N, C-alpha and C. Protein backbone atom coordinates (compact mmCIF):
# COMPACT_ATOMS: atom_id res chain seq x y z
N UNK A 1 33.21 104.60 216.12
CA UNK A 1 33.68 104.64 214.75
C UNK A 1 32.63 104.06 213.82
N UNK A 2 31.59 103.44 214.31
CA UNK A 2 30.61 102.77 213.47
C UNK A 2 30.08 103.70 212.39
N UNK A 3 30.05 103.19 211.18
CA UNK A 3 29.46 103.91 210.08
C UNK A 3 30.40 104.81 209.31
N UNK A 4 31.40 105.37 209.95
CA UNK A 4 32.25 106.31 209.22
C UNK A 4 33.70 106.27 209.70
N UNK A 5 34.37 105.13 209.56
CA UNK A 5 35.78 105.11 209.96
C UNK A 5 36.60 106.00 209.05
N UNK A 6 37.58 106.64 209.64
CA UNK A 6 38.42 107.56 208.87
C UNK A 6 39.88 107.20 209.05
N UNK A 7 40.67 107.61 208.08
CA UNK A 7 42.10 107.41 208.17
C UNK A 7 42.57 108.02 209.49
N UNK A 8 43.39 107.26 210.22
CA UNK A 8 43.89 107.71 211.51
C UNK A 8 43.13 107.13 212.69
N UNK A 9 41.89 106.68 212.47
CA UNK A 9 41.11 106.05 213.54
C UNK A 9 41.76 104.72 213.93
N UNK A 10 41.57 104.33 215.19
CA UNK A 10 42.02 103.03 215.65
C UNK A 10 40.86 102.06 215.49
N UNK A 11 41.12 100.95 214.83
CA UNK A 11 40.10 99.93 214.61
C UNK A 11 39.99 99.08 215.87
N UNK A 12 38.80 98.96 216.38
CA UNK A 12 38.55 98.16 217.58
C UNK A 12 38.91 96.70 217.31
N UNK A 13 39.55 96.08 218.29
CA UNK A 13 39.91 94.68 218.16
C UNK A 13 38.65 93.84 218.05
N UNK A 14 38.73 92.74 217.35
CA UNK A 14 37.60 91.82 217.23
C UNK A 14 38.14 90.42 217.04
N UNK A 15 37.24 89.45 217.21
CA UNK A 15 37.59 88.05 217.00
C UNK A 15 36.49 87.38 216.19
N UNK A 16 36.90 86.69 215.13
CA UNK A 16 35.97 85.92 214.29
C UNK A 16 36.64 84.60 213.93
N UNK A 17 35.84 83.64 213.50
CA UNK A 17 36.38 82.36 213.05
C UNK A 17 36.83 82.48 211.60
N UNK A 18 37.96 81.82 211.29
CA UNK A 18 38.42 81.79 209.91
C UNK A 18 37.85 80.55 209.21
N UNK A 19 38.30 80.32 207.99
CA UNK A 19 37.77 79.24 207.17
C UNK A 19 38.05 77.84 207.73
N UNK A 20 38.97 77.75 208.69
CA UNK A 20 39.25 76.45 209.32
C UNK A 20 38.52 76.30 210.65
N UNK A 21 37.79 77.34 211.06
CA UNK A 21 37.11 77.31 212.35
C UNK A 21 37.98 77.82 213.49
N UNK A 22 39.16 78.34 213.15
CA UNK A 22 40.08 78.89 214.15
C UNK A 22 39.72 80.33 214.46
N UNK A 23 39.68 80.67 215.75
CA UNK A 23 39.40 82.05 216.16
C UNK A 23 40.61 82.93 215.81
N UNK A 24 40.33 84.05 215.16
CA UNK A 24 41.38 85.01 214.79
C UNK A 24 41.02 86.37 215.35
N UNK A 25 42.00 86.98 216.02
CA UNK A 25 41.83 88.33 216.55
C UNK A 25 42.59 89.31 215.67
N UNK A 26 41.99 90.47 215.45
CA UNK A 26 42.67 91.50 214.67
C UNK A 26 44.01 91.84 215.29
N UNK A 27 44.06 91.98 216.61
CA UNK A 27 45.30 92.33 217.31
C UNK A 27 46.42 91.34 217.02
N UNK A 28 46.09 90.05 216.92
CA UNK A 28 47.11 89.04 216.61
C UNK A 28 47.54 89.14 215.15
N UNK A 29 46.59 89.42 214.27
CA UNK A 29 46.91 89.53 212.84
C UNK A 29 47.85 90.70 212.57
N UNK A 30 47.58 91.86 213.16
CA UNK A 30 48.42 93.04 212.91
C UNK A 30 49.76 92.96 213.64
N UNK A 31 49.88 92.06 214.60
CA UNK A 31 51.16 91.90 215.30
C UNK A 31 52.24 91.43 214.32
N UNK A 32 51.82 90.82 213.21
CA UNK A 32 52.76 90.30 212.21
C UNK A 32 53.02 91.30 211.09
N UNK A 33 52.29 92.43 211.09
CA UNK A 33 52.43 93.43 210.04
C UNK A 33 51.07 93.98 209.68
N UNK A 34 51.04 95.00 208.83
CA UNK A 34 49.76 95.59 208.44
C UNK A 34 48.82 94.54 207.84
N UNK A 35 47.53 94.77 208.04
CA UNK A 35 46.50 93.88 207.52
C UNK A 35 45.64 94.66 206.52
N UNK A 36 45.35 94.02 205.41
CA UNK A 36 44.43 94.58 204.42
C UNK A 36 43.14 93.77 204.56
N UNK A 37 42.21 94.33 205.33
CA UNK A 37 40.94 93.66 205.63
C UNK A 37 39.93 94.03 204.56
N UNK A 38 39.60 93.06 203.71
CA UNK A 38 38.66 93.38 202.63
C UNK A 38 37.35 92.63 202.80
N UNK A 39 36.28 93.43 202.83
CA UNK A 39 34.92 92.89 202.93
C UNK A 39 34.42 92.60 201.53
N UNK A 40 33.81 91.45 201.37
CA UNK A 40 33.19 91.09 200.09
C UNK A 40 31.79 90.55 200.37
N UNK A 41 30.85 90.78 199.46
CA UNK A 41 29.46 90.40 199.70
C UNK A 41 29.20 88.91 199.87
N UNK A 42 29.79 88.05 199.02
CA UNK A 42 29.48 86.62 199.11
C UNK A 42 30.53 85.77 198.42
N UNK A 43 31.03 84.78 199.14
CA UNK A 43 31.99 83.84 198.59
C UNK A 43 31.39 83.09 197.41
N UNK A 44 32.25 82.73 196.48
CA UNK A 44 31.88 81.90 195.33
C UNK A 44 31.05 82.64 194.29
N UNK A 45 30.94 83.97 194.39
CA UNK A 45 30.24 84.75 193.37
C UNK A 45 31.29 85.36 192.44
N UNK A 46 30.87 85.75 191.27
CA UNK A 46 31.80 86.20 190.23
C UNK A 46 32.70 87.35 190.67
N UNK A 47 32.10 88.44 191.15
CA UNK A 47 32.89 89.61 191.55
C UNK A 47 33.79 89.33 192.73
N UNK A 48 33.28 88.63 193.71
CA UNK A 48 34.06 88.34 194.91
C UNK A 48 35.20 87.38 194.60
N UNK A 49 34.96 86.46 193.67
CA UNK A 49 36.03 85.56 193.24
C UNK A 49 37.13 86.34 192.54
N UNK A 50 36.75 87.24 191.63
CA UNK A 50 37.74 88.06 190.92
C UNK A 50 38.55 88.90 191.90
N UNK A 51 37.89 89.52 192.85
CA UNK A 51 38.58 90.36 193.83
C UNK A 51 39.53 89.53 194.68
N UNK A 52 39.06 88.42 195.21
CA UNK A 52 39.87 87.57 196.09
C UNK A 52 41.05 86.97 195.35
N UNK A 53 40.84 86.54 194.12
CA UNK A 53 41.93 85.99 193.32
C UNK A 53 42.96 87.06 192.98
N UNK A 54 42.54 88.30 192.84
CA UNK A 54 43.50 89.39 192.60
C UNK A 54 44.39 89.59 193.83
N UNK A 55 43.79 89.55 195.01
CA UNK A 55 44.60 89.60 196.23
C UNK A 55 45.58 88.43 196.25
N UNK A 56 45.10 87.23 195.93
CA UNK A 56 45.96 86.03 195.89
C UNK A 56 47.11 86.22 194.91
N UNK A 57 46.81 86.74 193.74
CA UNK A 57 47.82 86.89 192.70
C UNK A 57 48.88 87.94 193.05
N UNK A 58 48.57 88.81 193.97
CA UNK A 58 49.52 89.85 194.41
C UNK A 58 50.20 89.48 195.73
N UNK A 59 50.15 88.21 196.10
CA UNK A 59 50.70 87.76 197.39
C UNK A 59 52.16 88.18 197.59
N UNK A 60 52.98 88.05 196.55
CA UNK A 60 54.39 88.43 196.69
C UNK A 60 54.55 89.91 196.97
N UNK A 61 53.75 90.74 196.28
CA UNK A 61 53.83 92.18 196.49
C UNK A 61 53.41 92.56 197.91
N UNK A 62 52.37 91.89 198.42
CA UNK A 62 51.97 92.17 199.80
C UNK A 62 53.05 91.72 200.77
N UNK A 63 53.66 90.58 200.49
CA UNK A 63 54.73 90.09 201.34
C UNK A 63 55.91 91.06 201.37
N UNK A 64 56.22 91.64 200.21
CA UNK A 64 57.34 92.59 200.12
C UNK A 64 57.14 93.80 201.04
N UNK A 65 55.90 94.21 201.27
CA UNK A 65 55.65 95.35 202.16
C UNK A 65 55.24 94.89 203.56
N UNK A 66 55.37 93.59 203.82
CA UNK A 66 55.12 93.04 205.15
C UNK A 66 53.66 92.97 205.54
N UNK A 67 52.76 93.02 204.56
CA UNK A 67 51.33 93.06 204.85
C UNK A 67 50.64 91.75 204.47
N UNK A 68 49.48 91.54 205.07
CA UNK A 68 48.69 90.34 204.81
C UNK A 68 47.26 90.70 204.47
N UNK A 69 46.74 90.15 203.36
CA UNK A 69 45.31 90.31 203.09
C UNK A 69 44.51 89.37 203.98
N UNK A 70 43.34 89.82 204.37
CA UNK A 70 42.40 89.01 205.13
C UNK A 70 41.01 89.33 204.59
N UNK A 71 40.33 88.32 204.07
CA UNK A 71 38.99 88.51 203.54
C UNK A 71 37.96 88.33 204.64
N UNK A 72 36.80 88.96 204.47
CA UNK A 72 35.75 88.85 205.47
C UNK A 72 34.38 89.02 204.79
N UNK A 73 33.47 88.11 205.13
CA UNK A 73 32.10 88.19 204.61
C UNK A 73 31.16 87.53 205.60
N UNK A 74 29.88 87.56 205.27
CA UNK A 74 28.86 86.95 206.13
C UNK A 74 28.78 85.44 205.95
N UNK A 75 29.55 84.90 205.01
CA UNK A 75 29.48 83.47 204.72
C UNK A 75 29.88 82.63 205.92
N UNK A 76 29.26 81.46 206.02
CA UNK A 76 29.58 80.50 207.09
C UNK A 76 31.00 79.97 206.90
N UNK A 77 31.58 79.47 207.98
CA UNK A 77 32.93 78.92 207.97
C UNK A 77 33.07 77.87 206.85
N UNK A 78 32.10 76.99 206.70
CA UNK A 78 32.19 75.93 205.69
C UNK A 78 32.24 76.49 204.28
N UNK A 79 31.49 77.54 204.02
CA UNK A 79 31.52 78.16 202.68
C UNK A 79 32.84 78.90 202.46
N UNK A 80 33.35 79.54 203.52
CA UNK A 80 34.64 80.22 203.42
C UNK A 80 35.74 79.19 203.10
N UNK A 81 35.66 78.02 203.74
CA UNK A 81 36.66 76.98 203.49
C UNK A 81 36.58 76.52 202.03
N UNK A 82 35.38 76.30 201.52
CA UNK A 82 35.21 75.89 200.12
C UNK A 82 35.79 76.94 199.19
N UNK A 83 35.53 78.21 199.49
CA UNK A 83 36.03 79.33 198.68
C UNK A 83 37.57 79.32 198.69
N UNK A 84 38.15 79.24 199.88
CA UNK A 84 39.61 79.25 200.02
C UNK A 84 40.24 78.07 199.30
N UNK A 85 39.65 76.89 199.45
CA UNK A 85 40.20 75.69 198.83
C UNK A 85 40.03 75.69 197.31
N UNK A 86 38.87 76.09 196.84
CA UNK A 86 38.58 76.09 195.41
C UNK A 86 39.55 76.98 194.65
N UNK A 87 39.87 78.14 195.22
CA UNK A 87 40.71 79.12 194.52
C UNK A 87 42.12 79.23 195.11
N UNK A 88 42.47 78.33 196.04
CA UNK A 88 43.80 78.31 196.63
C UNK A 88 44.24 79.71 197.05
N UNK A 89 43.40 80.36 197.87
CA UNK A 89 43.61 81.77 198.19
C UNK A 89 44.84 82.04 199.05
N UNK A 90 45.09 81.22 200.06
CA UNK A 90 46.33 81.36 200.82
C UNK A 90 46.33 82.44 201.88
N UNK A 91 45.19 82.99 202.20
CA UNK A 91 45.09 83.96 203.30
C UNK A 91 43.78 83.69 204.04
N UNK A 92 43.69 84.19 205.29
CA UNK A 92 42.49 83.91 206.08
C UNK A 92 41.23 84.53 205.49
N UNK A 93 40.14 83.79 205.59
CA UNK A 93 38.80 84.29 205.26
C UNK A 93 37.98 84.21 206.53
N UNK A 94 37.56 85.36 207.03
CA UNK A 94 36.83 85.41 208.28
C UNK A 94 35.33 85.38 208.04
N UNK A 95 34.65 84.70 208.94
CA UNK A 95 33.20 84.58 208.86
C UNK A 95 32.55 85.54 209.85
N UNK A 96 31.76 86.46 209.33
CA UNK A 96 31.06 87.47 210.14
C UNK A 96 29.55 87.32 209.86
N UNK A 97 28.97 86.16 210.27
CA UNK A 97 27.60 85.82 209.86
C UNK A 97 26.53 86.82 210.29
N UNK A 98 26.73 87.47 211.40
CA UNK A 98 25.75 88.45 211.89
C UNK A 98 26.09 89.87 211.43
N UNK A 99 27.22 90.02 210.75
CA UNK A 99 27.62 91.33 210.26
C UNK A 99 28.07 92.28 211.36
N UNK A 100 28.52 91.74 212.48
CA UNK A 100 28.91 92.57 213.63
C UNK A 100 30.11 93.46 213.29
N UNK A 101 31.15 92.87 212.73
CA UNK A 101 32.34 93.65 212.39
C UNK A 101 32.03 94.57 211.21
N UNK A 102 31.30 94.06 210.25
CA UNK A 102 30.91 94.89 209.10
C UNK A 102 30.15 96.14 209.56
N UNK A 103 29.25 95.96 210.50
CA UNK A 103 28.47 97.09 211.03
C UNK A 103 29.39 98.10 211.71
N UNK A 104 30.33 97.61 212.52
CA UNK A 104 31.24 98.51 213.24
C UNK A 104 32.11 99.33 212.30
N UNK A 105 32.45 98.75 211.15
CA UNK A 105 33.33 99.46 210.22
C UNK A 105 32.58 100.15 209.09
N UNK A 106 31.27 100.08 209.12
CA UNK A 106 30.49 100.77 208.09
C UNK A 106 30.40 99.99 206.78
N UNK A 107 30.69 98.69 206.82
CA UNK A 107 30.64 97.88 205.61
C UNK A 107 29.33 97.08 205.51
N UNK A 108 28.41 97.35 206.40
CA UNK A 108 27.12 96.66 206.34
C UNK A 108 26.07 97.64 205.84
N UNK A 109 25.30 97.17 204.88
CA UNK A 109 24.23 98.01 204.33
C UNK A 109 23.04 98.03 205.29
N UNK A 110 22.25 99.09 205.20
CA UNK A 110 21.00 99.16 205.96
C UNK A 110 19.92 98.32 205.31
N UNK A 111 20.09 98.03 204.03
CA UNK A 111 19.14 97.19 203.29
C UNK A 111 19.94 96.35 202.31
N UNK A 112 19.42 95.20 201.96
CA UNK A 112 20.13 94.30 201.05
C UNK A 112 20.00 94.79 199.61
N UNK A 113 21.08 94.67 198.88
CA UNK A 113 21.07 94.89 197.44
C UNK A 113 21.10 93.48 196.87
N UNK A 114 19.94 93.03 196.39
CA UNK A 114 19.80 91.62 196.08
C UNK A 114 19.94 90.87 197.39
N UNK A 115 20.73 89.80 197.41
CA UNK A 115 20.92 89.07 198.67
C UNK A 115 22.08 89.61 199.51
N UNK A 116 22.69 90.71 199.06
CA UNK A 116 23.93 91.16 199.69
C UNK A 116 23.73 92.28 200.70
N UNK A 117 24.16 92.01 201.92
CA UNK A 117 24.11 93.02 202.98
C UNK A 117 25.47 93.68 203.21
N UNK A 118 26.52 93.10 202.66
CA UNK A 118 27.86 93.62 202.90
C UNK A 118 28.34 94.45 201.72
N UNK A 119 28.90 95.62 202.02
CA UNK A 119 29.49 96.47 200.99
C UNK A 119 30.89 95.95 200.66
N UNK A 120 31.32 96.18 199.44
CA UNK A 120 32.68 95.83 199.05
C UNK A 120 33.56 96.99 199.51
N UNK A 121 34.24 96.79 200.63
CA UNK A 121 35.10 97.82 201.23
C UNK A 121 36.38 97.17 201.72
N UNK A 122 37.44 97.95 201.71
CA UNK A 122 38.74 97.47 202.19
C UNK A 122 39.32 98.48 203.16
N UNK A 123 39.91 97.94 204.23
CA UNK A 123 40.52 98.75 205.28
C UNK A 123 41.98 98.34 205.41
N UNK A 124 42.89 99.30 205.20
CA UNK A 124 44.31 99.04 205.37
C UNK A 124 44.64 99.45 206.80
N UNK A 125 45.03 98.46 207.61
CA UNK A 125 45.18 98.65 209.05
C UNK A 125 46.64 98.42 209.43
N UNK A 126 47.24 99.42 210.08
CA UNK A 126 48.65 99.34 210.46
C UNK A 126 48.81 98.50 211.74
N UNK A 127 50.04 98.27 212.13
CA UNK A 127 50.35 97.39 213.26
C UNK A 127 49.80 97.92 214.59
N UNK A 128 49.54 99.21 214.68
CA UNK A 128 48.96 99.79 215.89
C UNK A 128 47.43 99.87 215.78
N UNK A 129 46.86 99.19 214.78
CA UNK A 129 45.42 99.14 214.48
C UNK A 129 44.90 100.49 213.98
N UNK A 130 45.82 101.40 213.59
CA UNK A 130 45.39 102.66 212.99
C UNK A 130 45.05 102.44 211.54
N UNK A 131 44.00 103.09 211.11
CA UNK A 131 43.52 102.97 209.75
C UNK A 131 44.37 103.84 208.82
N UNK A 132 45.02 103.20 207.85
CA UNK A 132 45.85 103.91 206.88
C UNK A 132 45.04 104.34 205.65
N UNK A 133 44.00 103.57 205.32
CA UNK A 133 43.20 103.88 204.13
C UNK A 133 41.89 103.10 204.18
N UNK A 134 40.86 103.71 203.60
CA UNK A 134 39.57 103.06 203.39
C UNK A 134 39.31 103.10 201.89
N UNK A 135 39.05 101.94 201.32
CA UNK A 135 38.83 101.83 199.87
C UNK A 135 37.42 101.33 199.67
N UNK A 136 36.66 102.05 198.86
CA UNK A 136 35.27 101.68 198.63
C UNK A 136 34.99 101.73 197.14
N UNK A 137 34.80 100.57 196.55
CA UNK A 137 34.38 100.49 195.16
C UNK A 137 33.55 99.23 195.00
N UNK A 138 32.32 99.41 194.62
CA UNK A 138 31.43 98.26 194.43
C UNK A 138 31.66 97.61 193.07
N UNK A 139 32.26 98.33 192.13
CA UNK A 139 32.32 97.84 190.76
C UNK A 139 33.71 97.44 190.28
N UNK A 140 34.76 97.98 190.86
CA UNK A 140 36.11 97.61 190.43
C UNK A 140 36.68 96.56 191.37
N UNK A 141 36.79 95.35 190.85
CA UNK A 141 37.27 94.25 191.68
C UNK A 141 38.77 94.33 191.91
N UNK A 142 39.48 95.05 191.07
CA UNK A 142 40.94 95.14 191.19
C UNK A 142 41.38 96.34 192.04
N UNK A 143 40.52 97.33 192.16
CA UNK A 143 40.90 98.58 192.83
C UNK A 143 41.33 98.38 194.27
N UNK A 144 40.72 97.46 194.96
CA UNK A 144 40.98 97.29 196.39
C UNK A 144 42.42 96.85 196.66
N UNK A 145 42.86 95.79 196.03
CA UNK A 145 44.23 95.30 196.24
C UNK A 145 45.24 96.29 195.69
N UNK A 146 44.95 96.85 194.51
CA UNK A 146 45.89 97.79 193.89
C UNK A 146 46.11 99.03 194.76
N UNK A 147 45.03 99.62 195.25
CA UNK A 147 45.14 100.82 196.09
C UNK A 147 45.81 100.49 197.42
N UNK A 148 45.46 99.35 198.00
CA UNK A 148 46.08 98.95 199.27
C UNK A 148 47.60 98.84 199.10
N UNK A 149 48.04 98.27 198.00
CA UNK A 149 49.48 98.17 197.76
C UNK A 149 50.13 99.54 197.61
N UNK A 150 49.47 100.47 196.93
CA UNK A 150 50.00 101.83 196.80
C UNK A 150 50.23 102.44 198.18
N UNK A 151 49.23 102.32 199.04
CA UNK A 151 49.31 102.88 200.40
C UNK A 151 50.44 102.22 201.19
N UNK A 152 50.54 100.91 201.09
CA UNK A 152 51.55 100.18 201.86
C UNK A 152 52.95 100.44 201.33
N UNK A 153 53.08 100.62 200.03
CA UNK A 153 54.41 100.96 199.47
C UNK A 153 54.84 102.35 199.94
N UNK A 154 53.91 103.28 199.96
CA UNK A 154 54.21 104.63 200.44
C UNK A 154 54.61 104.59 201.92
N UNK A 155 53.93 103.78 202.70
CA UNK A 155 54.24 103.61 204.13
C UNK A 155 55.65 103.05 204.29
N UNK A 156 56.00 102.06 203.46
CA UNK A 156 57.32 101.45 203.54
C UNK A 156 58.43 102.45 203.21
N UNK A 157 58.17 103.34 202.26
CA UNK A 157 59.16 104.36 201.89
C UNK A 157 59.36 105.39 202.98
N UNK A 158 58.31 105.63 203.76
CA UNK A 158 58.41 106.61 204.86
C UNK A 158 59.21 106.06 206.02
N UNK A 159 59.28 104.74 206.15
CA UNK A 159 59.96 104.12 207.29
C UNK A 159 61.46 104.20 207.18
C-alpha cells in the first residue's frame, strides 16, 4: 500500500510511542472505534496548531460518531507532550521520528519542503482497519477534521 493507499485498503498495523512514551498499536486504537489518523508536519507550528486545535474543538462531534482523532508527526515524544499539554489536545499524538508509518501511508515526502518531510494528510480508518477516506490538503487546516466528520456521520447513518 506504500505511496498510494486507497479507500477500501486495509491499513497495516503499527506501533509507535505516544506523547507520554506509551506504545500504541493501531489495532488497539481501532478496537474502540474508527480512528482519524492525521499526519502533520511539525508540532508547535502555526498550521499544525490550528489543525490540531480544530480536531480538539470537535471532540464532542467525534465522540458522537464513536471515533477518535490521533495525531502523528516526526516530532520526538517530548515535543509531542509539550504540544499536547500546551494546547490541551486530549487525544494521542504519536511520534514517528524516522517517518516509517508516514512512508507506508504515502504521507512522507521524497524531499523536504523547508524543514518538513511529512505531508498534511488524514486517514479515516474503520474498526477493521479498512480505509474509509484519505484527505489531503496542505493549505486548509480545517478541511481534515471537517471531512473526516462528514465521512463518519455517513458511516453512522448506514449502520
